[in-house]
Amino acid sequence: MNNFKVSVVVLTYYHEKYLKKALDSILSQKCNFNYEIQIGDDCSKDGTIEIIKKYKELYPKMIFYHQNESNNGISSNLYDTMCRCRGEYITILAGDDYFIDDDKLEKQVEFLDNHEEYLAHAVCLESRWDNEEKYFDINPIPKFRNKEITLDMFLNSGSFSTGGLMFRNEFLSNEGREYYKLITQISKMVDDLPFCILLLKKGRVYNSDELMYAHRVFKDTKNNNNYNSRFSRFKKFKINIDLLNALDKYYDNEIDFSIRYKKSISIGFLSMLLDHNYKEFNEVMNTIPNKYRTVILKGILGSFFVGIKYVLKRI
């Protein structure tokens, strides 16, 4: 039997430039329990796997990894890696992100140990440009911190992130693995929205106000090939609309995705103007269910606010 209190899931794909900082941020954690690091590599062709092997040699009883023979996509990679976790709790770290609080694991474990009514504990996330140490944004916004997040709140504002999230390990049972398998069936490339919905439908999620996680955002995607940077703005828009269409079909009339469609359309319309993807934009819009047609105009109007916010962040 293992005695791991926490399993840290690290997802990698072309993360050679960033993985050392990610792993070091885990290994610097100050805690009074044992934890494991479960790395899932989605068939990287750079030096990612060599870095993983070196850390495995240094920490053979703590670090475990699996490399996919083909690129399966982030959803399957996340699900498969979580199924290998043996800790009481699981927390997630992308291979190009890093923890910014050495007491992160200790604080979250203490919360979940003392609050059995909650399934998961979320933290605040800083967005930083590539290698910069200063943040340009913090999520969630203040009004969603230090409180329980409901499904309606989440669908309205995206008010907690899987980055740094810690939750009770339900993947130890066949029932739990079957429940969360939906994330592999809805979208190949988007895991966070389906997973967050599944969590909120299963139990209660608490959102902390503590900054514990740094998320990299890339200005230049030409030389990057990882999950965050491999797709164009417009491709990401299409992926998100396809995701929403799949979720709406699965949940039928049980969940209203109007706000999510509005936000995706806002970003997609702006991308169309910047990249001149007029025909492709129209084709994607035609896939949206008729019941959401009323949010299209609101989404287009919202694109102007998205554009202003985007420009201001890059100054």
Protein backbone atom coordinates (compact mmCIF):
# COMPACT_ATOMS: atom_id res chain seq x y z
CA MET A 1 0.00 0.00 0.00
CA ASN A 2 1.10 3.58 -0.65
CA ASN A 3 1.01 6.35 1.90
CA PHE A 4 0.58 9.31 -0.41
CA LYS A 5 -1.67 12.05 0.90
CA VAL A 6 -1.62 13.98 -2.40
CA SER A 7 -1.08 13.14 -6.04
CA VAL A 8 0.18 16.05 -8.14
CA VAL A 9 -0.86 15.59 -11.77
CA VAL A 10 1.52 17.21 -14.26
CA LEU A 11 0.47 17.23 -17.92
CA THR A 12 3.27 17.76 -20.44
CA TYR A 13 3.42 18.34 -24.17
CA TYR A 14 6.44 20.15 -25.67
CA HIS A 15 7.30 21.67 -22.30
CA GLU A 16 11.07 21.38 -22.49
CA LYS A 17 11.54 25.11 -21.80
CA TYR A 18 9.30 25.20 -18.75
CA LEU A 19 9.10 21.80 -17.07
CA LYS A 20 12.03 22.23 -14.67
CA LYS A 21 10.41 25.25 -13.06
CA ALA A 22 7.10 23.39 -12.79
CA LEU A 23 8.67 20.36 -11.11
CA ASP A 24 10.88 22.46 -8.83
CA SER A 25 7.79 24.37 -7.66
CA ILE A 26 6.29 21.04 -6.56
CA LEU A 27 9.45 19.70 -4.95
CA SER A 28 9.85 22.91 -2.92
CA GLN A 29 6.54 22.33 -1.16
CA LYS A 30 6.73 22.36 2.63
CA CYS A 31 4.38 19.75 4.04
CA ASN A 32 4.23 17.08 6.74
CA PHE A 33 2.91 14.29 4.51
CA ASN A 34 4.08 12.27 1.52
CA TYR A 35 3.00 13.13 -2.01
CA GLU A 36 3.60 11.69 -5.44
CA ILE A 37 4.05 13.40 -8.80
CA GLN A 38 2.23 11.67 -11.64
CA ILE A 39 3.39 12.99 -15.03
CA GLY A 40 1.45 12.32 -18.20
CA ASP A 41 3.37 13.19 -21.37
CA ASP A 42 1.32 13.33 -24.56
CA CYS A 43 4.03 12.18 -26.98
CA SER A 44 6.35 15.20 -26.85
CA LYS A 45 9.09 15.22 -29.51
CA ASP A 46 11.35 17.81 -27.88
CA GLY A 47 13.47 17.28 -24.77
CA THR A 48 10.53 17.01 -22.36
CA ILE A 49 10.83 13.28 -21.73
CA GLU A 50 14.58 13.54 -21.08
CA ILE A 51 13.91 16.09 -18.34
CA ILE A 52 11.26 13.82 -16.84
CA LYS A 53 13.67 10.87 -16.79
CA LYS A 54 16.37 12.92 -15.04
CA TYR A 55 13.96 13.98 -12.30
CA LYS A 56 12.72 10.41 -12.03
CA GLU A 57 16.29 9.27 -11.35
CA LEU A 58 16.63 11.88 -8.61
CA TYR A 59 13.26 11.11 -7.00
CA PRO A 60 12.45 7.47 -7.91
CA LYS A 61 9.97 6.92 -5.07
CA MET A 62 8.13 10.19 -5.64
CA ILE A 63 7.99 10.78 -9.40
CA PHE A 64 6.13 8.49 -11.81
CA TYR A 65 5.47 9.07 -15.49
CA HIS A 66 3.80 7.69 -18.57
CA GLN A 67 4.49 8.73 -22.15
CA ASN A 68 1.73 8.23 -24.69
CA GLU A 69 2.76 6.53 -27.92
CA SER A 70 0.68 9.04 -29.88
CA ASN A 71 -0.76 12.49 -29.23
CA ASN A 72 -4.09 11.67 -27.59
CA GLY A 73 -5.11 15.21 -26.62
CA ILE A 74 -5.24 16.95 -23.28
CA SER A 75 -8.58 15.45 -22.16
CA SER A 76 -7.45 11.83 -22.45
CA ASN A 77 -4.04 12.69 -21.05
CA LEU A 78 -5.63 14.29 -17.97
CA TYR A 79 -8.09 11.44 -17.44
CA ASP A 80 -5.51 8.67 -17.88
CA THR A 81 -3.06 10.38 -15.52
CA MET A 82 -5.69 10.93 -12.85
CA CYS A 83 -6.61 7.24 -13.06
CA ARG A 84 -3.03 6.42 -12.00
CA CYS A 85 -3.18 8.65 -8.92
CA ARG A 86 -2.99 6.94 -5.54
CA GLY A 87 -3.24 9.88 -3.17
CA GLU A 88 -6.23 10.81 -1.04
CA TYR A 89 -6.33 14.12 -2.91
CA ILE A 90 -5.37 15.17 -6.45
CA THR A 91 -4.12 18.55 -7.60
CA ILE A 92 -3.34 19.66 -11.16
CA LEU A 93 -0.36 21.52 -12.63
CA ALA A 94 0.23 22.12 -16.34
CA GLY A 95 3.83 21.46 -17.39
CA ASP A 96 4.34 25.08 -18.46
CA ASP A 97 2.83 26.59 -15.29
CA TYR A 98 4.12 26.55 -11.71
CA PHE A 99 3.11 26.92 -8.07
CA ILE A 100 3.95 30.23 -6.40
CA ASP A 101 3.29 29.27 -2.79
CA ASP A 102 5.55 26.72 -1.07
CA ASP A 103 2.76 25.96 1.40
CA LYS A 104 0.14 25.31 -1.29
CA LEU A 105 -0.28 21.58 -0.73
CA GLU A 106 -0.23 21.93 3.06
CA LYS A 107 -2.89 24.67 3.08
CA GLN A 108 -5.24 22.86 0.72
CA VAL A 109 -4.93 19.53 2.52
CA GLU A 110 -5.64 21.24 5.84
CA PHE A 111 -8.78 22.81 4.37
CA LEU A 112 -10.16 19.59 2.87
CA ASP A 113 -9.27 17.56 5.98
CA ASN A 114 -11.26 20.01 8.09
CA HIS A 115 -14.16 20.56 5.68
CA GLU A 116 -15.55 17.21 4.64
CA GLU A 117 -18.56 18.95 3.11
CA TYR A 118 -16.41 20.15 0.18
CA LEU A 119 -15.32 18.01 -2.74
CA ALA A 120 -12.71 20.47 -4.01
CA HIS A 121 -10.67 23.54 -3.07
CA ALA A 122 -9.73 26.10 -5.75
CA VAL A 123 -7.08 28.85 -5.59
CA CYS A 124 -6.41 32.18 -7.26
CA LEU A 125 -4.41 32.09 -10.46
CA GLU A 126 -2.00 34.71 -11.80
CA SER A 127 -1.66 35.06 -15.57
CA ARG A 128 1.88 35.98 -16.66
CA TRP A 129 3.35 36.60 -20.09
CA ASP A 130 5.66 33.68 -20.90
CA ASN A 131 8.80 34.10 -18.74
CA GLU A 132 7.79 37.30 -16.97
CA GLU A 133 7.59 37.30 -13.18
CA LYS A 134 4.89 39.98 -12.99
CA TYR A 135 1.24 39.15 -13.52
CA PHE A 136 -1.17 41.03 -15.75
CA ASP A 137 -4.37 39.42 -14.48
CA ILE A 138 -5.71 37.48 -11.49
CA ASN A 139 -8.62 35.05 -11.57
CA PRO A 140 -11.21 34.74 -10.26
CA ILE A 141 -12.36 38.31 -9.75
CA PRO A 142 -12.72 39.38 -6.07
CA LYS A 143 -16.46 38.80 -5.75
CA PHE A 144 -15.99 35.06 -6.34
CA ARG A 145 -13.24 34.56 -3.77
CA ASN A 146 -13.64 33.06 -0.29
CA LYS A 147 -16.98 31.49 -1.08
CA GLU A 148 -18.61 28.37 -2.43
CA ILE A 149 -19.02 28.26 -6.19
CA THR A 150 -22.27 26.93 -7.65
CA LEU A 151 -22.82 25.60 -11.15
CA ASP A 152 -24.85 28.68 -12.13
CA MET A 153 -22.08 31.00 -10.91
CA PHE A 154 -19.48 29.00 -12.81
CA LEU A 155 -21.39 29.01 -16.08
CA ASN A 156 -21.93 32.75 -15.74
CA SER A 157 -18.38 33.82 -14.91
CA GLY A 158 -15.95 30.90 -15.11
CA SER A 159 -15.25 31.53 -11.47
CA PHE A 160 -12.75 28.79 -10.62
CA SER A 161 -9.91 27.12 -12.45
CA THR A 162 -8.56 23.58 -12.65
CA GLY A 163 -5.07 25.07 -12.36
CA GLY A 164 -3.99 24.40 -8.78
CA LEU A 165 -7.36 22.85 -7.92
CA MET A 166 -7.24 20.15 -5.23
CA PHE A 167 -10.05 17.60 -4.99
CA ARG A 168 -10.86 14.30 -3.35
CA ASN A 169 -9.57 11.35 -5.37
CA GLU A 170 -12.65 9.58 -6.73
CA PHE A 171 -10.55 7.86 -9.39
CA LEU A 172 -9.67 5.13 -6.91
CA SER A 173 -13.05 3.47 -7.63
CA ASN A 174 -14.53 2.14 -10.87
CA GLU A 175 -17.61 4.24 -10.24
CA GLY A 176 -15.54 7.42 -10.05
CA ARG A 177 -13.55 6.61 -13.17
CA GLU A 178 -16.74 5.94 -15.11
CA TYR A 179 -18.32 9.20 -13.94
CA TYR A 180 -15.40 11.38 -15.02
CA LYS A 181 -14.80 9.52 -18.29
CA LEU A 182 -17.11 12.05 -19.92
CA ILE A 183 -14.20 14.50 -20.22
CA THR A 184 -12.60 12.20 -22.81
CA GLN A 185 -15.83 11.95 -24.84
CA ILE A 186 -16.84 15.61 -25.08
CA SER A 187 -13.66 17.21 -26.46
CA LYS A 188 -10.16 16.06 -27.32
CA MET A 189 -8.50 19.40 -26.59
CA VAL A 190 -10.60 21.07 -23.85
CA ASP A 191 -10.68 19.36 -20.49
CA ASP A 192 -11.35 22.09 -17.92
CA LEU A 193 -14.96 23.06 -18.68
CA PRO A 194 -16.35 19.47 -18.72
CA PHE A 195 -14.32 18.56 -15.64
CA CYS A 196 -15.48 21.61 -13.67
CA ILE A 197 -19.11 20.89 -14.55
CA LEU A 198 -18.74 17.27 -13.43
CA LEU A 199 -17.23 18.40 -10.12
CA LEU A 200 -19.98 20.93 -9.47
CA LYS A 201 -22.70 18.41 -10.25
CA LYS A 202 -21.08 15.90 -7.89
CA GLY A 203 -20.19 18.05 -4.87
CA ARG A 204 -19.36 21.44 -3.39
CA VAL A 205 -16.36 23.54 -4.50
CA TYR A 206 -14.79 26.26 -2.36
CA ASN A 207 -12.86 29.14 -3.91
CA SER A 208 -9.98 30.52 -1.85
CA ASP A 209 -8.59 34.06 -2.10
CA GLU A 210 -4.94 32.94 -1.88
CA LEU A 211 -2.58 33.30 -4.85
CA MET A 212 -0.92 29.93 -5.36
CA TYR A 213 -0.61 29.33 -9.09
CA ALA A 214 1.07 31.05 -12.06
CA HIS A 215 -0.31 30.45 -15.55
CA ARG A 216 1.84 31.26 -18.57
CA VAL A 217 0.29 33.10 -21.51
CA PHE A 218 2.27 33.27 -24.74
CA LYS A 219 2.59 36.43 -26.84
CA ASP A 220 4.45 34.68 -29.65
CA THR A 221 3.15 31.23 -30.58
CA LYS A 222 5.36 30.66 -33.64
CA ASN A 223 8.02 28.72 -31.76
CA ASN A 224 5.70 26.94 -29.36
CA ASN A 225 3.90 23.68 -29.93
CA ASN A 226 2.27 22.93 -26.60
CA TYR A 227 -1.37 22.88 -25.54
CA ASN A 228 -1.53 26.62 -24.84
CA SER A 229 0.11 27.82 -28.03
CA ARG A 230 -0.29 25.30 -30.84
CA PHE A 231 -3.61 26.66 -32.13
CA SER A 232 -4.50 30.00 -33.71
CA ARG A 233 -7.02 32.35 -32.15
CA PHE A 234 -9.68 31.26 -34.60
CA LYS A 235 -8.95 27.55 -34.16
CA LYS A 236 -9.40 27.95 -30.40
CA PHE A 237 -12.73 29.64 -31.05
CA LYS A 238 -13.90 26.72 -33.20
CA ILE A 239 -12.74 24.20 -30.60
CA ASN A 240 -14.68 26.03 -27.89
CA ILE A 241 -17.87 26.21 -29.95
CA ASP A 242 -17.57 22.51 -30.80
CA LEU A 243 -17.13 21.84 -27.09
CA LEU A 244 -20.22 23.83 -26.13
CA ASN A 245 -22.25 22.11 -28.84
CA ALA A 246 -21.19 18.71 -27.50
CA LEU A 247 -21.96 19.67 -23.89
CA ASP A 248 -25.35 21.10 -24.85
CA LYS A 249 -26.21 17.90 -26.72
CA TYR A 250 -25.14 15.72 -23.78
CA TYR A 251 -26.98 17.70 -21.09
CA ASP A 252 -29.90 18.57 -23.40
CA ASN A 253 -32.05 21.15 -21.56
CA GLU A 254 -30.59 20.44 -18.12
CA ILE A 255 -27.92 23.16 -18.38
CA ASP A 256 -28.13 26.58 -20.04
CA PHE A 257 -24.85 27.49 -21.80
CA SER A 258 -26.00 30.93 -23.06
CA ILE A 259 -23.34 32.92 -21.21
CA ARG A 260 -20.59 30.56 -22.35
CA TYR A 261 -21.73 30.86 -25.98
CA LYS A 262 -21.83 34.64 -25.68
CA LYS A 263 -18.24 34.81 -24.40
CA SER A 264 -16.93 32.41 -27.06
CA ILE A 265 -18.69 34.32 -29.84
CA SER A 266 -17.18 37.59 -28.57
CA ILE A 267 -13.67 36.16 -28.86
CA GLY A 268 -14.45 34.45 -32.17
CA PHE A 269 -15.83 37.59 -33.79
CA LEU A 270 -12.75 39.54 -32.78
CA SER A 271 -10.51 36.80 -34.18
CA MET A 272 -12.44 36.87 -37.44
CA LEU A 273 -11.83 40.62 -37.80
CA LEU A 274 -8.12 40.26 -37.05
CA ASP A 275 -7.50 37.20 -39.22
CA HIS A 276 -10.15 37.75 -41.94
CA ASN A 277 -11.71 34.29 -41.43
CA TYR A 278 -15.14 35.45 -42.64
CA LYS A 279 -16.25 32.24 -44.35
CA GLU A 280 -14.91 29.99 -41.58
CA PHE A 281 -16.56 32.16 -38.92
CA ASN A 282 -19.92 31.84 -40.65
CA GLU A 283 -19.53 28.06 -40.90
CA VAL A 284 -18.84 27.77 -37.17
CA MET A 285 -21.76 30.04 -36.29
CA ASN A 286 -24.10 27.81 -38.31
CA THR A 287 -23.33 24.90 -35.99
CA ILE A 288 -24.73 26.69 -32.92
CA PRO A 289 -28.16 25.32 -31.84
CA ASN A 290 -31.10 27.54 -32.74
CA LYS A 291 -32.06 28.06 -29.10
CA TYR A 292 -28.86 30.09 -28.60
CA ARG A 293 -29.31 32.38 -31.62
CA THR A 294 -30.43 35.27 -29.42
CA VAL A 295 -27.00 35.45 -27.78
CA ILE A 296 -25.15 35.89 -31.07
CA LEU A 297 -25.71 39.66 -31.32
CA LYS A 298 -24.79 40.08 -27.66
CA GLY A 299 -21.63 38.12 -28.31
CA ILE A 300 -20.68 40.29 -31.28
CA LEU A 301 -21.26 43.47 -29.29
CA GLY A 302 -19.23 42.00 -26.46
CA SER A 303 -16.27 41.48 -28.80
CA PHE A 304 -15.50 45.20 -28.70
CA PHE A 305 -15.06 45.07 -24.92
CA VAL A 306 -12.95 41.94 -25.25
CA GLY A 307 -10.76 43.73 -27.82
CA ILE A 308 -10.18 46.74 -25.59
CA LYS A 309 -9.30 44.52 -22.61
CA TYR A 310 -6.93 42.43 -24.78
CA VAL A 311 -5.07 45.51 -26.06
CA LEU A 312 -4.73 47.03 -22.60
CA LYS A 313 -3.21 43.82 -21.20
CA ARG A 314 -0.53 43.76 -23.90
CA ILE A 315 0.61 47.37 -23.37
